[in-house]
C-alpha atoms as a PDB file:
ATOM      1  CA  MET A   1      -0.307   0.131   0.034  1.00  0.00           C
ATOM      2  CA  ALA A   2       1.717   3.068  -1.161  1.00  0.00           C
ATOM      3  CA  GLU A   3       2.416   5.861   2.000  1.00  0.00           C
ATOM      4  CA  GLN A   4       0.336   8.179   2.772  1.00  0.00           C
ATOM      5  CA  PRO A   5       1.109  11.766   1.208  1.00  0.00           C
ATOM      6  CA  HIS A   6       1.449  14.390   4.770  1.00  0.00           C
ATOM      7  CA  LEU A   7       1.575  18.076   3.415  1.00  0.00           C
ATOM      8  CA  LEU A   8       2.960  20.461   6.140  1.00  0.00           C
ATOM      9  CA  LEU A   9       1.388  23.831   5.438  1.00  0.00           C
ATOM     10  CA  ILE A  10       3.374  27.274   6.620  1.00  0.00           C
ATOM     11  CA  ASP A  11       1.678  30.274   6.537  1.00  0.00           C
ATOM     12  CA  ALA A  12       5.355  31.705   6.014  1.00  0.00           C
ATOM     13  CA  LEU A  13       5.068  35.711   7.064  1.00  0.00           C
ATOM     14  CA  ASN A  14       2.795  34.672  10.006  1.00  0.00           C
ATOM     15  CA  LEU A  15       5.902  32.752  11.632  1.00  0.00           C
ATOM     16  CA  ILE A  16       8.611  35.454  10.117  1.00  0.00           C
ATOM     17  CA  ARG A  17       6.696  38.531  11.367  1.00  0.00           C
ATOM     18  CA  ARG A  18       6.250  36.608  14.488  1.00  0.00           C
ATOM     19  CA  ILE A  19       9.314  35.130  15.389  1.00  0.00           C
ATOM     20  CA  HIS A  20      11.205  38.778  14.062  1.00  0.00           C
ATOM     21  CA  ALA A  21       9.490  40.849  16.326  1.00  0.00           C
ATOM     22  CA  ALA A  22      10.050  38.434  19.287  1.00  0.00           C
ATOM     23  CA  VAL A  23      13.932  38.792  19.131  1.00  0.00           C
ATOM     24  CA  PRO A  24      16.004  41.762  20.680  1.00  0.00           C
ATOM     25  CA  GLY A  25      17.395  44.681  18.419  1.00  0.00           C
ATOM     26  CA  GLU A  26      16.646  45.981  15.271  1.00  0.00           C
ATOM     27  CA  GLY A  27      18.724  46.206  11.559  1.00  0.00           C
ATOM     28  CA  ASP A  28      20.828  43.484  10.659  1.00  0.00           C
ATOM     29  CA  GLU A  29      20.652  42.124  14.973  1.00  0.00           C
ATOM     30  CA  ALA A  30      17.053  41.976  14.715  1.00  0.00           C
ATOM     31  CA  LEU A  31      17.360  40.200  11.185  1.00  0.00           C
ATOM     32  CA  GLU A  32      20.046  37.697  11.788  1.00  0.00           C
ATOM     33  CA  GLY A  33      18.090  36.849  15.161  1.00  0.00           C
ATOM     34  CA  ALA A  34      14.703  36.169  13.104  1.00  0.00           C
ATOM     35  CA  LEU A  35      16.590  33.667  10.689  1.00  0.00           C
ATOM     36  CA  ASN A  36      18.343  32.035  13.268  1.00  0.00           C
ATOM     37  CA  SER A  37      14.957  31.540  15.209  1.00  0.00           C
ATOM     38  CA  SER A  38      13.692  30.305  11.978  1.00  0.00           C
ATOM     39  CA  ALA A  39      15.936  27.674  11.346  1.00  0.00           C
ATOM     40  CA  HIS A  40      14.689  26.481  15.565  1.00  0.00           C
ATOM     41  CA  ALA A  41      11.068  26.863  14.720  1.00  0.00           C
ATOM     42  CA  VAL A  42      11.056  25.002  10.838  1.00  0.00           C
ATOM     43  CA  GLY A  43      13.073  22.158  12.844  1.00  0.00           C
ATOM     44  CA  ARG A  44      10.753  22.001  15.232  1.00  0.00           C
ATOM     45  CA  LEU A  45       8.388  21.616  13.201  1.00  0.00           C
ATOM     46  CA  LEU A  46       9.533  18.997  11.050  1.00  0.00           C
ATOM     47  CA  SER A  47      10.413  17.161  13.527  1.00  0.00           C
ATOM     48  CA  ARG A  48       7.215  16.738  15.088  1.00  0.00           C
ATOM     49  CA  PHE A  49       4.978  15.803  12.585  1.00  0.00           C
ATOM     50  CA  GLN A  50       7.453  14.498   9.699  1.00  0.00           C
ATOM     51  CA  PRO A  51       5.642  15.037   6.501  1.00  0.00           C
ATOM     52  CA  SER A  52       6.418  13.566   3.355  1.00  0.00           C
ATOM     53  CA  HIS A  53       5.681  16.547   1.712  1.00  0.00           C
ATOM     54  CA  GLY A  54       6.190  20.913   2.864  1.00  0.00           C
ATOM     55  CA  VAL A  55       5.313  24.293   1.520  1.00  0.00           C
ATOM     56  CA  CYS A  56       5.957  27.507   2.601  1.00  0.00           C
ATOM     57  CA  ALA A  57       2.998  29.803   1.539  1.00  0.00           C
ATOM     58  CA  PHE A  58       4.187  33.708   0.577  1.00  0.00           C
ATOM     59  CA  ASP A  59       1.600  36.833   0.007  1.00  0.00           C
ATOM     60  CA  GLY A  60       2.289  37.525  -3.644  1.00  0.00           C
ATOM     61  CA  TRP A  61       3.885  40.906  -4.500  1.00  0.00           C
ATOM     62  CA  GLN A  62       0.695  42.854  -6.589  1.00  0.00           C
ATOM     63  CA  LYS A  63      -3.056  43.425  -5.402  1.00  0.00           C
ATOM     64  CA  SER A  64      -4.866  40.328  -4.352  1.00  0.00           C
ATOM     65  CA  TRP A  65      -8.831  40.147  -6.006  1.00  0.00           C
ATOM     66  CA  ARG A  66      -9.526  41.208  -2.326  1.00  0.00           C
ATOM     67  CA  HIS A  67      -7.670  44.777  -2.173  1.00  0.00           C
ATOM     68  CA  LEU A  68      -9.249  44.662  -6.024  1.00  0.00           C
ATOM     69  CA  ALA A  69     -12.975  44.243  -3.999  1.00  0.00           C
ATOM     70  CA  TYR A  70     -12.266  46.521  -1.225  1.00  0.00           C
ATOM     71  CA  PRO A  71     -10.326  49.265  -1.932  1.00  0.00           C
ATOM     72  CA  ASP A  72      -9.763  49.436   2.526  1.00  0.00           C
ATOM     73  CA  TYR A  73      -8.596  46.270   2.228  1.00  0.00           C
ATOM     74  CA  LYS A  74      -4.953  45.724   5.111  1.00  0.00           C
ATOM     75  CA  ALA A  75      -5.180  49.422   5.223  1.00  0.00           C
ATOM     76  CA  GLY A  76      -3.273  51.512   7.620  1.00  0.00           C
ATOM     77  CA  ARG A  77      -1.327  47.782   8.537  1.00  0.00           C
ATOM     78  CA  LYS A  78       2.138  47.557   9.982  1.00  0.00           C
ATOM     79  CA  PRO A  79       4.706  47.394   7.317  1.00  0.00           C
ATOM     80  CA  MET A  80       7.170  44.738   7.197  1.00  0.00           C
ATOM     81  CA  PRO A  81       9.975  46.467   8.615  1.00  0.00           C
ATOM     82  CA  ASP A  82      13.118  47.494   5.359  1.00  0.00           C
ATOM     83  CA  LYS A  83      15.749  45.047   6.638  1.00  0.00           C
ATOM     84  CA  LEU A  84      13.160  42.009   7.029  1.00  0.00           C
ATOM     85  CA  LYS A  85      11.745  43.068   3.287  1.00  0.00           C
ATOM     86  CA  THR A  86      15.330  42.926   2.355  1.00  0.00           C
ATOM     87  CA  GLY A  87      16.434  39.927   3.733  1.00  0.00           C
ATOM     88  CA  MET A  88      13.209  37.969   2.857  1.00  0.00           C
ATOM     89  CA  GLU A  89      15.387  35.790  -0.349  1.00  0.00           C
ATOM     90  CA  ARG A  90      17.241  34.792   2.874  1.00  0.00           C
ATOM     91  CA  PHE A  91      13.919  33.531   4.269  1.00  0.00           C
ATOM     92  CA  HIS A  92      13.574  31.200   0.803  1.00  0.00           C
ATOM     93  CA  GLU A  93      17.161  29.641   1.257  1.00  0.00           C
ATOM     94  CA  LEU A  94      16.507  28.555   4.851  1.00  0.00           C
ATOM     95  CA  PHE A  95      13.194  27.084   3.887  1.00  0.00           C
ATOM     96  CA  ARG A  96      15.195  25.426   0.418  1.00  0.00           C
ATOM     97  CA  TYR A  97      17.868  24.068   3.241  1.00  0.00           C
ATOM     98  CA  LYS A  98      15.215  22.567   5.294  1.00  0.00           C
ATOM     99  CA  GLY A  99      14.281  21.009   2.295  1.00  0.00           C
ATOM    100  CA  LEU A 100      10.822  22.882   2.003  1.00  0.00           C
ATOM    101  CA  THR A 101       9.411  25.024  -1.113  1.00  0.00           C
ATOM    102  CA  SER A 102       8.341  28.715  -1.077  1.00  0.00           C
ATOM    103  CA  LEU A 103       5.622  29.268  -2.544  1.00  0.00           C
ATOM    104  CA  THR A 104       4.888  32.131  -4.376  1.00  0.00           C
ATOM    105  CA  TYR A 105       1.966  33.717  -7.406  1.00  0.00           C
ATOM    106  CA  ALA A 106       1.997  37.447  -8.346  1.00  0.00           C
ATOM    107  CA  ASN A 107      -1.110  38.473  -7.631  1.00  0.00           C
ATOM    108  CA  LEU A 108      -2.412  35.884  -4.704  1.00  0.00           C
ATOM    109  CA  GLU A 109      -2.061  35.778  -1.047  1.00  0.00           C
ATOM    110  CA  ALA A 110      -0.667  32.723   1.686  1.00  0.00           C
ATOM    111  CA  ASP A 111      -3.942  31.703   3.289  1.00  0.00           C
ATOM    112  CA  ASP A 112      -5.360  31.325   0.311  1.00  0.00           C
ATOM    113  CA  ILE A 113      -3.010  29.476  -1.604  1.00  0.00           C
ATOM    114  CA  VAL A 114      -2.272  27.243   1.874  1.00  0.00           C
ATOM    115  CA  CYS A 115      -6.017  26.107   1.395  1.00  0.00           C
ATOM    116  CA  THR A 116      -6.298  25.591  -1.649  1.00  0.00           C
ATOM    117  CA  LEU A 117      -3.379  22.989  -1.140  1.00  0.00           C
ATOM    118  CA  ALA A 118      -5.018  21.474   1.844  1.00  0.00           C
ATOM    119  CA  ALA A 119      -8.594  20.737   0.178  1.00  0.00           C
ATOM    120  CA  LYS A 120      -6.787  19.136  -2.510  1.00  0.00           C
ATOM    121  CA  THR A 121      -4.898  17.405  -0.652  1.00  0.00           C
ATOM    122  CA  LEU A 122      -7.801  16.101   2.062  1.00  0.00           C
ATOM    123  CA  ALA A 123      -9.942  15.368  -1.104  1.00  0.00           C
ATOM    124  CA  ALA A 124      -7.280  12.877  -2.620  1.00  0.00           C
ATOM    125  CA  GLY A 125      -7.167  11.018   1.026  1.00  0.00           C
ATOM    126  CA  GLY A 126      -3.661  12.982   2.057  1.00  0.00           C
ATOM    127  CA  ARG A 127      -2.889  14.603   5.963  1.00  0.00           C
ATOM    128  CA  VAL A 128      -3.033  17.837   6.074  1.00  0.00           C
ATOM    129  CA  THR A 129      -0.832  20.205   8.887  1.00  0.00           C
ATOM    130  CA  VAL A 130      -1.576  23.928   8.340  1.00  0.00           C
ATOM    131  CA  VAL A 131       0.923  26.141  10.659  1.00  0.00           C
ATOM    132  CA  SER A 132      -0.701  29.712  11.382  1.00  0.00           C
ATOM    133  CA  THR A 133      -1.709  32.022  14.570  1.00  0.00           C
ATOM    134  CA  ASP A 134      -3.968  33.131  11.578  1.00  0.00           C
ATOM    135  CA  LYS A 135      -7.598  31.784  13.380  1.00  0.00           C
ATOM    136  CA  GLY A 136      -9.016  32.351   9.799  1.00  0.00           C
ATOM    137  CA  PHE A 137      -8.129  29.261   8.876  1.00  0.00           C
ATOM    138  CA  ALA A 138     -10.350  27.370  11.547  1.00  0.00           C
ATOM    139  CA  GLN A 139     -12.756  27.237   8.510  1.00  0.00           C
ATOM    140  CA  LEU A 140     -11.450  24.358   6.907  1.00  0.00           C
ATOM    141  CA  LEU A 141     -13.242  22.338  10.768  1.00  0.00           C
ATOM    142  CA  ALA A 142     -15.849  22.853   8.537  1.00  0.00           C
ATOM    143  CA  LEU A 143     -15.029  20.394   5.721  1.00  0.00           C
ATOM    144  CA  GLY A 144     -14.289  17.369   9.194  1.00  0.00           C
ATOM    145  CA  ASN A 145     -11.699  15.649   7.956  1.00  0.00           C
ATOM    146  CA  ASP A 146     -10.000  14.195  10.216  1.00  0.00           C
ATOM    147  CA  ASN A 147      -6.880  13.686   8.847  1.00  0.00           C
ATOM    148  CA  LEU A 148      -6.648  18.198   8.948  1.00  0.00           C
ATOM    149  CA  LEU A 149      -4.266  19.601  12.004  1.00  0.00           C
ATOM    150  CA  LEU A 150      -5.057  23.481  12.450  1.00  0.00           C
ATOM    151  CA  TRP A 151      -0.862  24.023  14.960  1.00  0.00           C
ATOM    152  CA  ASP A 152      -0.194  27.522  16.843  1.00  0.00           C
ATOM    153  CA  HIS A 153       3.058  26.760  17.355  1.00  0.00           C
ATOM    154  CA  PHE A 154       3.659  29.864  18.966  1.00  0.00           C
ATOM    155  CA  ALA A 155       1.148  28.516  21.475  1.00  0.00           C
ATOM    156  CA  ARG A 156       1.946  24.850  21.037  1.00  0.00           C
ATOM    157  CA  LEU A 157      -1.806  24.413  20.509  1.00  0.00           C
ATOM    158  CA  ALA A 158      -3.731  22.787  18.324  1.00  0.00           C
ATOM    159  CA  ILE A 159      -6.445  24.631  16.510  1.00  0.00           C
ATOM    160  CA  ASP A 160     -10.359  22.573  16.831  1.00  0.00           C
ATOM    161  CA  ALA A 161     -14.112  22.521  16.718  1.00  0.00           C
ATOM    162  CA  ASP A 162     -13.959  22.950  20.679  1.00  0.00           C
ATOM    163  CA  PHE A 163     -11.398  25.610  20.471  1.00  0.00           C
ATOM    164  CA  VAL A 164     -14.177  28.191  17.701  1.00  0.00           C
ATOM    165  CA  ARG A 165     -16.218  28.007  20.174  1.00  0.00           C
ATOM    166  CA  HIS A 166     -14.770  28.473  23.099  1.00  0.00           C
ATOM    167  CA  ARG A 167     -13.586  31.189  21.128  1.00  0.00           C
ATOM    168  CA  PHE A 168     -16.499  33.080  19.451  1.00  0.00           C
ATOM    169  CA  GLY A 169     -19.375  30.769  20.262  1.00  0.00           C
ATOM    170  CA  VAL A 170     -19.860  29.519  16.734  1.00  0.00           C
ATOM    171  CA  GLU A 171     -19.589  26.368  14.544  1.00  0.00           C
ATOM    172  CA  PRO A 172     -16.693  26.614  12.642  1.00  0.00           C
ATOM    173  CA  ALA A 173     -19.127  26.554   9.208  1.00  0.00           C
ATOM    174  CA  GLN A 174     -20.255  29.567  11.091  1.00  0.00           C
ATOM    175  CA  LEU A 175     -16.998  31.097  10.848  1.00  0.00           C
ATOM    176  CA  CYS A 176     -17.606  33.852   7.577  1.00  0.00           C
ATOM    177  CA  ASP A 177     -20.736  34.845   8.623  1.00  0.00           C
ATOM    178  CA  TYR A 178     -19.500  35.336  12.640  1.00  0.00           C
ATOM    179  CA  LEU A 179     -16.933  38.135  10.916  1.00  0.00           C
ATOM    180  CA  ALA A 180     -18.795  39.442   8.514  1.00  0.00           C
ATOM    181  CA  LEU A 181     -20.877  40.591  11.481  1.00  0.00           C
ATOM    182  CA  THR A 182     -18.439  41.572  13.628  1.00  0.00           C
ATOM    183  CA  GLY A 183     -15.518  42.076  10.902  1.00  0.00           C
ATOM    184  CA  ASP A 184     -12.200  41.527  11.123  1.00  0.00           C
ATOM    185  CA  SER A 185      -9.470  43.977  12.645  1.00  0.00           C
ATOM    186  CA  THR A 186      -6.967  42.368  11.287  1.00  0.00           C
ATOM    187  CA  ASN A 187      -7.503  42.942   8.334  1.00  0.00           C
ATOM    188  CA  HIS A 188      -9.808  45.608   8.278  1.00  0.00           C
ATOM    189  CA  ILE A 189     -12.907  44.853   7.020  1.00  0.00           C
ATOM    190  CA  ARG A 190     -15.810  46.849   8.822  1.00  0.00           C
ATOM    191  CA  GLY A 191     -18.713  44.887   9.963  1.00  0.00           C
ATOM    192  CA  VAL A 192     -22.109  45.588  10.898  1.00  0.00           C
ATOM    193  CA  ASP A 193     -21.523  49.473  13.493  1.00  0.00           C
ATOM    194  CA  GLY A 194     -23.156  47.402  17.101  1.00  0.00           C
ATOM    195  CA  ILE A 195     -23.114  44.013  16.308  1.00  0.00           C
ATOM    196  CA  GLY A 196     -19.983  42.505  18.558  1.00  0.00           C
ATOM    197  CA  ALA A 197     -19.256  39.477  19.393  1.00  0.00           C
ATOM    198  CA  LYS A 198     -22.120  38.208  21.477  1.00  0.00           C
ATOM    199  CA  THR A 199     -24.813  39.204  19.237  1.00  0.00           C
ATOM    200  CA  ALA A 200     -23.472  37.694  16.319  1.00  0.00           C
ATOM    201  CA  ALA A 201     -22.899  34.256  17.896  1.00  0.00           C
ATOM    202  CA  GLN A 202     -27.110  34.883  19.389  1.00  0.00           C
ATOM    203  CA  LEU A 203     -28.365  35.914  16.282  1.00  0.00           C
ATOM    204  CA  LEU A 204     -25.891  32.906  15.014  1.00  0.00           C
ATOM    205  CA  GLY A 205     -27.096  30.067  17.174  1.00  0.00           C
ATOM    206  CA  ASP A 206     -30.361  31.210  16.514  1.00  0.00           C
ATOM    207  CA  TYR A 207     -30.879  31.751  12.541  1.00  0.00           C
ATOM    208  CA  ALA A 208     -28.054  29.598  11.532  1.00  0.00           C
ATOM    209  CA  ASP A 209     -26.414  31.970   8.839  1.00  0.00           C
ATOM    210  CA  LEU A 210     -26.685  35.657   7.603  1.00  0.00           C
ATOM    211  CA  GLU A 211     -29.452  34.454   5.620  1.00  0.00           C
ATOM    212  CA  GLY A 212     -31.687  32.907   7.925  1.00  0.00           C
ATOM    213  CA  VAL A 213     -31.132  35.972  10.402  1.00  0.00           C
ATOM    214  CA  PHE A 214     -31.879  38.689   7.611  1.00  0.00           C
ATOM    215  CA  ALA A 215     -34.771  36.566   6.361  1.00  0.00           C
ATOM    216  CA  HIS A 216     -36.586  37.264   9.768  1.00  0.00           C
ATOM    217  CA  LEU A 217     -35.597  40.981  10.993  1.00  0.00           C
ATOM    218  CA  GLU A 218     -39.451  41.379  11.790  1.00  0.00           C
ATOM    219  CA  GLU A 219     -38.650  38.737  14.461  1.00  0.00           C
ATOM    220  CA  LEU A 220     -35.324  40.599  16.021  1.00  0.00           C
ATOM    221  CA  LYS A 221     -34.657  43.504  18.702  1.00  0.00           C
ATOM    222  CA  PRO A 222     -35.783  47.018  16.984  1.00  0.00           C
ATOM    223  CA  GLY A 223     -32.786  47.978  18.160  1.00  0.00           C
ATOM    224  CA  GLN A 224     -30.722  45.029  16.299  1.00  0.00           C
ATOM    225  CA  ARG A 225     -33.384  45.527  14.029  1.00  0.00           C
ATOM    226  CA  ASN A 226     -32.244  48.917  12.918  1.00  0.00           C
ATOM    227  CA  LYS A 227     -28.159  48.049  12.706  1.00  0.00           C
ATOM    228  CA  LEU A 228     -29.180  45.773  10.353  1.00  0.00           C
ATOM    229  CA  GLU A 229     -31.759  47.520   8.245  1.00  0.00           C
ATOM    230  CA  GLY A 230     -30.278  47.997   4.553  1.00  0.00           C
ATOM    231  CA  GLN A 231     -27.245  46.422   5.650  1.00  0.00           C
ATOM    232  CA  TRP A 232     -27.293  43.190   3.252  1.00  0.00           C
ATOM    233  CA  HIS A 233     -24.286  44.234  -0.087  1.00  0.00           C
ATOM    234  CA  HIS A 234     -22.313  45.243   2.715  1.00  0.00           C
ATOM    235  CA  VAL A 235     -22.081  41.728   4.724  1.00  0.00           C
ATOM    236  CA  GLU A 236     -22.310  39.517   2.051  1.00  0.00           C
ATOM    237  CA  LEU A 237     -19.410  41.537   0.524  1.00  0.00           C
ATOM    238  CA  ALA A 238     -17.672  40.902   3.986  1.00  0.00           C
ATOM    239  CA  ARG A 239     -18.393  37.224   4.357  1.00  0.00           C
ATOM    240  CA  ARG A 240     -16.741  37.176   0.536  1.00  0.00           C
ATOM    241  CA  LEU A 241     -14.207  38.163   1.822  1.00  0.00           C
ATOM    242  CA  VAL A 242     -13.467  36.787   4.488  1.00  0.00           C
ATOM    243  CA  LYS A 243     -13.739  33.809   3.581  1.00  0.00           C
ATOM    244  CA  LEU A 244     -10.427  32.206   2.404  1.00  0.00           C
ATOM    245  CA  ARG A 245     -10.076  29.899  -1.324  1.00  0.00           C
ATOM    246  CA  THR A 246     -10.502  26.739  -1.722  1.00  0.00           C
ATOM    247  CA  ASP A 247     -10.663  26.013  -5.395  1.00  0.00           C
ATOM    248  CA  LEU A 248      -8.433  27.651  -7.460  1.00  0.00           C
ATOM    249  CA  GLU A 249      -6.645  26.619 -10.354  1.00  0.00           C
ATOM    250  CA  LEU A 250      -2.881  26.543  -9.421  1.00  0.00           C
ATOM    251  CA  ASP A 251      -0.431  25.230 -11.434  1.00  0.00           C
ATOM    252  CA  CYS A 252       1.281  22.836  -9.123  1.00  0.00           C
ATOM    253  CA  LYS A 253       0.824  19.583  -7.812  1.00  0.00           C
ATOM    254  CA  LEU A 254       1.529  17.827  -5.153  1.00  0.00           C
ATOM    255  CA  SER A 255       4.672  15.601  -5.816  1.00  0.00           C
ATOM    256  CA  ASP A 256       5.998  19.194  -6.321  1.00  0.00           C
ATOM    257  CA  PHE A 257       6.422  19.189  -2.987  1.00  0.00           C
ATOM    258  CA  ARG A 258       8.159  16.367  -1.794  1.00  0.00           C
ATOM    259  CA  VAL A 259      10.598  17.487   1.463  1.00  0.00           C
ATOM    260  CA  GLY A 260      13.830  18.034   0.826  1.00  0.00           C
ATOM    261  CA  ALA A 261      13.671  17.077  -2.581  1.00  0.00           C
ATOM    262  CA  GLU A 262      16.287  18.664  -5.243  1.00  0.00           C
ATOM    263  CA  MET A 263      12.661  21.230  -6.711  1.00  0.00           C
ATOM    264  CA  ALA A 264      12.140  22.410  -3.150  1.00  0.00           C
ATOM    265  CA  GLU A 265      13.788  25.772  -4.157  1.00  0.00           C
ATOM    266  CA  PRO A 266      11.613  29.573  -4.357  1.00  0.00           C
ATOM    267  CA  SER A 267       8.605  28.943  -6.706  1.00  0.00           C
ATOM    268  CA  VAL A 268       7.536  32.230  -7.892  1.00  0.00           C
ATOM    269  CA  ARG A 269       4.538  31.638 -10.362  1.00  0.00           C
ATOM    270  CA  GLY A 270       4.455  35.364 -12.433  1.00  0.00           C
ATOM    271  CA  GLY A 271       1.478  34.844 -14.191  1.00  0.00           C
ATOM    272  CA  ALA A 272      -2.835  34.573 -12.097  1.00  0.00           C
ATOM    273  CA  PRO A 273      -4.247  31.127 -11.944  1.00  0.00           C
ATOM    274  CA  ALA A 274      -7.800  30.865 -12.954  1.00  0.00           C
ATOM    275  CA  LEU A 275     -10.044  32.125 -10.345  1.00  0.00           C
ATOM    276  CA  ARG A 276     -13.477  29.957 -10.890  1.00  0.00           C
END
């Protein structure tokens, strides 16, 4: 029987920037510290999970479809320090030496690349471990696949459905609807003014999804109804923005990412894969 593939997917900039922010010093000192700490982190991940395949996904250098649909997307986010930005090629080299492939598409975000590769690998019967502190990946738990593990490297914590219920008060399948109502401050996506976490969870607990909430506005308390009336197009856009893509047509295959393979090198895809 053929070995079940195990794909390790690292949200690369999430890992690098978290490490860089925690190391002492500035400029060259901080860059060297981040490189050393990243090497240790990747080594621990490879030792812990023993993957057969591995990808470090990076954001592209062009605007993504989210920026085009919502100009305020990620507005005000603190820019990457110049020294870290100019030293990024050294992280690609580090990952290559560890046997992992760095994957970048010109106009795609790492999150969508990770989720697409995860969903396709799981559908083919493989195992997947996603490494990130971004709780948005918890959307993947709605697939209900036991071969998926979401891992917060810094907290040494697996993100599962119980974590989502405790943290947000909703099921993984409701997470996008929840964020559409409350907003996603990390990415500067505005929710519905006056609808906070508790109210959003309560509404989704009562009506299951956004369609259910807006189909029953007349049943809501006057204050809630007034906040939601006329907001359907906004929350529908917000839900589309926070939903991570699992259906991209990527010009790569799992065998490209075997750990330690000679082709484990930065893979920069300049063209835009088709978006269905």
